[in-house]
Amino acid sequence: MAIIKLYLDADITAGPFLASTLSERGFDAVSVGNDGLDDRAQLDYALAQNRVLLTFNIKDFIPLAQELYAQEKEFPGLVVSPQIKGDKFSYLLRLVLNLLNKVDESSMHNTVRYLQEFE
């Protein structure tokens, strides 16, 4: 079972801390932080690095995933979630750990999943 490599986009404000926390637990996770990359550039990076992209930006990334489907392009996967803010870091961490422990790279391939599936 190949473990998912995760890319946390700029909309995950706790992304750098979450990526660090996941890395400390043995998972391969990176975060863009807040470096101003647009959505397409973030998706291109995730594709180039063969990483599943996790985002709170549902409205922009679902259409980008639909473009990939329409163009018959392969992609590692997309995980979307409504905004999780404030003191909900432990909730976000729990959902992401559930995702990483339950889903492998092959079952994420070319799919869009909602993070809340992993409650």
N, C-alpha and C. Protein backbone atom coordinates (compact mmCIF):
# COMPACT_ATOMS: atom_id res chain seq x y z
N MET A 1 0.85 -1.18 0.00
CA MET A 1 0.00 0.00 0.00
C MET A 1 0.89 1.24 0.00
N ALA A 2 0.81 2.02 -1.07
CA ALA A 2 1.61 3.25 -1.18
C ALA A 2 0.91 4.38 -0.44
N ILE A 3 1.64 4.99 0.47
CA ILE A 3 1.08 6.07 1.28
C ILE A 3 0.98 7.35 0.47
N ILE A 4 -0.08 8.08 0.69
CA ILE A 4 -0.32 9.35 0.00
C ILE A 4 0.75 10.37 0.38
N LYS A 5 1.25 11.07 -0.64
CA LYS A 5 2.06 12.26 -0.41
C LYS A 5 1.10 13.44 -0.51
N LEU A 6 1.12 14.31 0.48
CA LEU A 6 0.11 15.35 0.60
C LEU A 6 0.71 16.74 0.37
N TYR A 7 -0.04 17.57 -0.34
CA TYR A 7 0.32 18.97 -0.56
C TYR A 7 -0.82 19.83 -0.02
N LEU A 8 -0.51 20.71 0.93
CA LEU A 8 -1.50 21.58 1.55
C LEU A 8 -1.42 22.94 0.87
N ASP A 9 -2.50 23.38 0.26
CA ASP A 9 -2.44 24.63 -0.50
C ASP A 9 -2.53 25.86 0.41
N ALA A 10 -2.46 27.03 -0.20
CA ALA A 10 -2.40 28.29 0.54
C ALA A 10 -3.65 28.59 1.35
N ASP A 11 -4.78 27.99 1.01
CA ASP A 11 -6.01 28.24 1.76
C ASP A 11 -6.03 27.53 3.11
N ILE A 12 -5.14 26.60 3.32
CA ILE A 12 -5.01 25.94 4.61
C ILE A 12 -4.08 26.83 5.45
N THR A 13 -4.65 27.74 6.19
CA THR A 13 -3.83 28.73 6.91
C THR A 13 -2.91 28.07 7.93
N ALA A 14 -3.32 26.94 8.47
CA ALA A 14 -2.47 26.21 9.41
C ALA A 14 -1.58 25.22 8.67
N GLY A 15 -1.49 25.36 7.35
CA GLY A 15 -0.77 24.41 6.52
C GLY A 15 0.65 24.12 6.94
N PRO A 16 1.48 25.14 7.17
CA PRO A 16 2.86 24.84 7.57
C PRO A 16 2.94 24.05 8.88
N PHE A 17 2.12 24.41 9.86
CA PHE A 17 2.11 23.69 11.13
C PHE A 17 1.55 22.29 10.95
N LEU A 18 0.50 22.15 10.15
CA LEU A 18 -0.08 20.84 9.89
C LEU A 18 0.93 19.95 9.16
N ALA A 19 1.60 20.48 8.15
CA ALA A 19 2.59 19.70 7.41
C ALA A 19 3.72 19.24 8.35
N SER A 20 4.16 20.13 9.20
CA SER A 20 5.21 19.78 10.17
C SER A 20 4.74 18.69 11.13
N THR A 21 3.52 18.83 11.64
CA THR A 21 2.95 17.85 12.56
C THR A 21 2.83 16.48 11.89
N LEU A 22 2.36 16.46 10.64
CA LEU A 22 2.24 15.21 9.91
C LEU A 22 3.61 14.59 9.63
N SER A 23 4.57 15.42 9.27
CA SER A 23 5.93 14.93 9.01
C SER A 23 6.53 14.30 10.26
N GLU A 24 6.28 14.92 11.42
CA GLU A 24 6.78 14.36 12.68
C GLU A 24 6.18 12.99 12.96
N ARG A 25 5.02 12.73 12.39
CA ARG A 25 4.35 11.44 12.58
C ARG A 25 4.67 10.46 11.46
N GLY A 26 5.61 10.82 10.59
CA GLY A 26 6.07 9.90 9.56
C GLY A 26 5.39 10.01 8.21
N PHE A 27 4.55 11.01 8.02
CA PHE A 27 3.86 11.19 6.74
C PHE A 27 4.61 12.20 5.88
N ASP A 28 4.45 12.07 4.57
CA ASP A 28 5.07 12.98 3.62
C ASP A 28 4.07 14.09 3.29
N ALA A 29 4.24 15.25 3.93
CA ALA A 29 3.32 16.38 3.74
C ALA A 29 4.12 17.66 3.63
N VAL A 30 3.74 18.48 2.65
CA VAL A 30 4.35 19.79 2.48
C VAL A 30 3.25 20.82 2.35
N SER A 31 3.62 22.07 2.66
CA SER A 31 2.67 23.17 2.58
C SER A 31 3.27 24.30 1.77
N VAL A 32 2.43 24.95 0.97
CA VAL A 32 2.87 26.11 0.22
C VAL A 32 3.03 27.32 1.14
N GLY A 33 2.37 27.27 2.31
CA GLY A 33 2.35 28.46 3.16
C GLY A 33 1.53 29.54 2.47
N ASN A 34 1.89 30.77 2.67
CA ASN A 34 1.16 31.87 2.04
C ASN A 34 2.09 32.61 1.09
N ASP A 35 2.51 31.93 0.03
CA ASP A 35 3.48 32.54 -0.87
C ASP A 35 2.88 33.17 -2.12
N GLY A 36 1.57 33.23 -2.21
CA GLY A 36 0.93 33.94 -3.30
C GLY A 36 0.77 33.18 -4.60
N LEU A 37 1.04 31.89 -4.61
CA LEU A 37 0.82 31.12 -5.83
C LEU A 37 -0.67 31.08 -6.16
N ASP A 38 -1.01 31.22 -7.42
CA ASP A 38 -2.42 31.11 -7.78
C ASP A 38 -2.82 29.63 -7.81
N ASP A 39 -4.11 29.40 -7.93
CA ASP A 39 -4.64 28.03 -7.84
C ASP A 39 -4.04 27.11 -8.89
N ARG A 40 -3.94 27.59 -10.12
CA ARG A 40 -3.39 26.76 -11.20
C ARG A 40 -1.94 26.38 -10.90
N ALA A 41 -1.15 27.33 -10.41
CA ALA A 41 0.25 27.05 -10.08
C ALA A 41 0.35 26.03 -8.95
N GLN A 42 -0.54 26.12 -7.97
CA GLN A 42 -0.54 25.14 -6.88
C GLN A 42 -0.90 23.76 -7.39
N LEU A 43 -1.90 23.69 -8.26
CA LEU A 43 -2.28 22.41 -8.83
C LEU A 43 -1.14 21.83 -9.68
N ASP A 44 -0.52 22.68 -10.48
CA ASP A 44 0.60 22.22 -11.30
C ASP A 44 1.73 21.67 -10.43
N TYR A 45 2.01 22.34 -9.31
CA TYR A 45 3.05 21.86 -8.41
C TYR A 45 2.67 20.49 -7.85
N ALA A 46 1.43 20.35 -7.39
CA ALA A 46 0.98 19.07 -6.84
C ALA A 46 1.10 17.96 -7.89
N LEU A 47 0.72 18.27 -9.12
CA LEU A 47 0.80 17.28 -10.20
C LEU A 47 2.26 16.89 -10.46
N ALA A 48 3.13 17.90 -10.53
CA ALA A 48 4.55 17.64 -10.83
C ALA A 48 5.21 16.81 -9.73
N GLN A 49 4.76 16.99 -8.49
CA GLN A 49 5.34 16.27 -7.35
C GLN A 49 4.58 14.99 -7.02
N ASN A 50 3.55 14.67 -7.82
CA ASN A 50 2.70 13.50 -7.59
C ASN A 50 2.13 13.49 -6.17
N ARG A 51 1.56 14.65 -5.78
CA ARG A 51 1.00 14.82 -4.45
C ARG A 51 -0.50 15.05 -4.53
N VAL A 52 -1.21 14.47 -3.58
CA VAL A 52 -2.64 14.75 -3.42
C VAL A 52 -2.76 16.15 -2.83
N LEU A 53 -3.58 16.97 -3.44
CA LEU A 53 -3.75 18.35 -2.99
C LEU A 53 -4.92 18.43 -2.02
N LEU A 54 -4.68 19.05 -0.87
CA LEU A 54 -5.73 19.29 0.13
C LEU A 54 -5.99 20.78 0.17
N THR A 55 -7.27 21.17 0.05
CA THR A 55 -7.62 22.58 0.00
C THR A 55 -8.95 22.85 0.68
N PHE A 56 -9.10 24.08 1.17
CA PHE A 56 -10.40 24.58 1.64
C PHE A 56 -11.11 25.33 0.50
N ASN A 57 -10.44 25.49 -0.63
CA ASN A 57 -10.96 26.28 -1.74
C ASN A 57 -11.74 25.39 -2.71
N ILE A 58 -12.90 24.97 -2.28
CA ILE A 58 -13.73 24.07 -3.07
C ILE A 58 -14.15 24.71 -4.38
N LYS A 59 -14.59 25.97 -4.32
CA LYS A 59 -15.19 26.61 -5.50
C LYS A 59 -14.21 26.76 -6.66
N ASP A 60 -12.92 26.86 -6.39
CA ASP A 60 -11.96 27.01 -7.48
C ASP A 60 -11.31 25.69 -7.89
N PHE A 61 -11.13 24.77 -6.95
CA PHE A 61 -10.41 23.54 -7.30
C PHE A 61 -11.31 22.46 -7.90
N ILE A 62 -12.58 22.43 -7.58
CA ILE A 62 -13.47 21.45 -8.24
C ILE A 62 -13.49 21.70 -9.75
N PRO A 63 -13.65 22.96 -10.23
CA PRO A 63 -13.59 23.18 -11.68
C PRO A 63 -12.23 22.81 -12.29
N LEU A 64 -11.15 23.03 -11.55
CA LEU A 64 -9.84 22.62 -12.06
C LEU A 64 -9.75 21.11 -12.20
N ALA A 65 -10.31 20.38 -11.25
CA ALA A 65 -10.33 18.92 -11.35
C ALA A 65 -11.20 18.48 -12.52
N GLN A 66 -12.31 19.18 -12.73
CA GLN A 66 -13.18 18.85 -13.87
C GLN A 66 -12.45 19.07 -15.20
N GLU A 67 -11.61 20.10 -15.25
CA GLU A 67 -10.79 20.33 -16.46
C GLU A 67 -9.85 19.15 -16.69
N LEU A 68 -9.23 18.66 -15.62
CA LEU A 68 -8.34 17.51 -15.76
C LEU A 68 -9.09 16.31 -16.30
N TYR A 69 -10.29 16.05 -15.76
CA TYR A 69 -11.11 14.95 -16.26
C TYR A 69 -11.42 15.13 -17.74
N ALA A 70 -11.86 16.34 -18.10
CA ALA A 70 -12.24 16.63 -19.49
C ALA A 70 -11.07 16.43 -20.44
N GLN A 71 -9.87 16.76 -19.98
CA GLN A 71 -8.66 16.62 -20.80
C GLN A 71 -8.04 15.22 -20.68
N GLU A 72 -8.70 14.37 -19.90
CA GLU A 72 -8.23 13.01 -19.66
C GLU A 72 -6.80 12.98 -19.12
N LYS A 73 -6.49 13.94 -18.24
CA LYS A 73 -5.18 13.99 -17.60
C LYS A 73 -5.23 13.24 -16.28
N GLU A 74 -4.17 12.50 -16.02
CA GLU A 74 -4.04 11.78 -14.76
C GLU A 74 -3.67 12.77 -13.66
N PHE A 75 -4.18 12.53 -12.46
CA PHE A 75 -3.76 13.34 -11.31
C PHE A 75 -3.83 12.51 -10.04
N PRO A 76 -2.99 12.87 -9.05
CA PRO A 76 -2.88 12.05 -7.84
C PRO A 76 -4.12 12.09 -6.96
N GLY A 77 -4.93 13.12 -7.08
CA GLY A 77 -6.14 13.23 -6.29
C GLY A 77 -6.29 14.61 -5.69
N LEU A 78 -7.51 14.89 -5.28
CA LEU A 78 -7.85 16.17 -4.67
C LEU A 78 -8.74 15.90 -3.47
N VAL A 79 -8.42 16.54 -2.36
CA VAL A 79 -9.25 16.44 -1.16
C VAL A 79 -9.68 17.86 -0.82
N VAL A 80 -11.00 18.05 -0.73
CA VAL A 80 -11.54 19.38 -0.45
C VAL A 80 -12.30 19.37 0.87
N SER A 81 -12.38 20.56 1.47
CA SER A 81 -13.09 20.70 2.74
C SER A 81 -13.58 22.13 2.87
N PRO A 82 -14.73 22.31 3.51
CA PRO A 82 -15.09 23.66 3.90
C PRO A 82 -14.03 24.19 4.87
N GLN A 83 -13.94 25.49 4.99
CA GLN A 83 -12.97 26.15 5.88
C GLN A 83 -13.06 25.60 7.31
N ILE A 84 -11.93 25.25 7.87
CA ILE A 84 -11.83 24.83 9.28
C ILE A 84 -10.89 25.84 9.93
N LYS A 85 -11.42 26.68 10.80
CA LYS A 85 -10.64 27.79 11.34
C LYS A 85 -10.48 27.71 12.85
N GLY A 86 -9.69 28.64 13.33
CA GLY A 86 -9.59 28.88 14.77
C GLY A 86 -9.00 27.71 15.53
N ASP A 87 -9.65 27.40 16.64
CA ASP A 87 -9.13 26.36 17.55
C ASP A 87 -9.51 24.96 17.10
N LYS A 88 -9.84 24.80 15.85
CA LYS A 88 -10.25 23.50 15.32
C LYS A 88 -9.09 22.71 14.73
N PHE A 89 -7.85 23.09 15.07
CA PHE A 89 -6.69 22.39 14.51
C PHE A 89 -6.73 20.90 14.84
N SER A 90 -7.10 20.56 16.05
CA SER A 90 -7.12 19.14 16.43
C SER A 90 -8.13 18.37 15.58
N TYR A 91 -9.24 19.01 15.24
CA TYR A 91 -10.24 18.39 14.37
C TYR A 91 -9.66 18.18 12.96
N LEU A 92 -9.03 19.21 12.43
CA LEU A 92 -8.40 19.11 11.11
C LEU A 92 -7.34 18.01 11.11
N LEU A 93 -6.50 17.99 12.11
CA LEU A 93 -5.46 16.97 12.20
C LEU A 93 -6.07 15.58 12.25
N ARG A 94 -7.11 15.40 13.04
CA ARG A 94 -7.75 14.08 13.15
C ARG A 94 -8.29 13.62 11.79
N LEU A 95 -8.95 14.53 11.06
CA LEU A 95 -9.50 14.16 9.75
C LEU A 95 -8.39 13.78 8.77
N VAL A 96 -7.32 14.58 8.76
CA VAL A 96 -6.23 14.31 7.83
C VAL A 96 -5.53 13.00 8.19
N LEU A 97 -5.32 12.74 9.47
CA LEU A 97 -4.72 11.47 9.88
C LEU A 97 -5.62 10.29 9.50
N ASN A 98 -6.92 10.45 9.66
CA ASN A 98 -7.85 9.39 9.24
C ASN A 98 -7.73 9.14 7.75
N LEU A 99 -7.68 10.21 6.96
CA LEU A 99 -7.49 10.08 5.51
C LEU A 99 -6.21 9.32 5.21
N LEU A 100 -5.11 9.77 5.78
CA LEU A 100 -3.81 9.16 5.48
C LEU A 100 -3.71 7.71 5.94
N ASN A 101 -4.43 7.36 6.97
CA ASN A 101 -4.39 5.99 7.48
C ASN A 101 -5.38 5.05 6.79
N LYS A 102 -6.35 5.61 6.08
CA LYS A 102 -7.39 4.76 5.48
C LYS A 102 -7.33 4.67 3.96
N VAL A 103 -6.68 5.64 3.31
CA VAL A 103 -6.71 5.69 1.85
C VAL A 103 -5.29 5.65 1.33
N ASP A 104 -5.06 4.82 0.33
CA ASP A 104 -3.71 4.77 -0.24
C ASP A 104 -3.66 5.52 -1.57
N GLU A 105 -2.45 5.60 -2.08
CA GLU A 105 -2.20 6.37 -3.30
C GLU A 105 -3.05 5.89 -4.47
N SER A 106 -3.17 4.59 -4.65
CA SER A 106 -3.92 4.07 -5.81
C SER A 106 -5.41 4.37 -5.72
N SER A 107 -5.98 4.36 -4.51
CA SER A 107 -7.41 4.63 -4.40
C SER A 107 -7.73 6.13 -4.48
N MET A 108 -6.73 6.98 -4.32
CA MET A 108 -6.93 8.43 -4.48
C MET A 108 -6.75 8.87 -5.93
N HIS A 109 -6.06 8.07 -6.72
CA HIS A 109 -5.72 8.43 -8.09
C HIS A 109 -6.96 8.84 -8.88
N ASN A 110 -6.92 10.04 -9.48
CA ASN A 110 -8.00 10.58 -10.33
C ASN A 110 -9.32 10.75 -9.60
N THR A 111 -9.29 10.99 -8.30
CA THR A 111 -10.54 11.16 -7.55
C THR A 111 -10.55 12.49 -6.82
N VAL A 112 -11.76 12.92 -6.50
CA VAL A 112 -11.98 14.07 -5.63
C VAL A 112 -12.75 13.55 -4.43
N ARG A 113 -12.23 13.79 -3.24
CA ARG A 113 -12.86 13.33 -2.00
C ARG A 113 -13.08 14.52 -1.07
N TYR A 114 -14.06 14.40 -0.21
CA TYR A 114 -14.30 15.40 0.82
C TYR A 114 -13.64 14.94 2.11
N LEU A 115 -12.92 15.84 2.75
CA LEU A 115 -12.20 15.49 3.98
C LEU A 115 -13.15 15.00 5.05
N GLN A 116 -14.37 15.52 5.09
CA GLN A 116 -15.32 15.13 6.12
C GLN A 116 -15.78 13.67 5.99
N GLU A 117 -15.45 13.01 4.88
CA GLU A 117 -15.71 11.58 4.77
C GLU A 117 -14.93 10.80 5.82
N PHE A 118 -13.89 11.41 6.36
CA PHE A 118 -12.96 10.71 7.25
C PHE A 118 -13.15 11.07 8.71
N GLU A 119 -14.37 11.46 9.07
CA GLU A 119 -14.68 11.77 10.48
C GLU A 119 -14.70 10.50 11.30
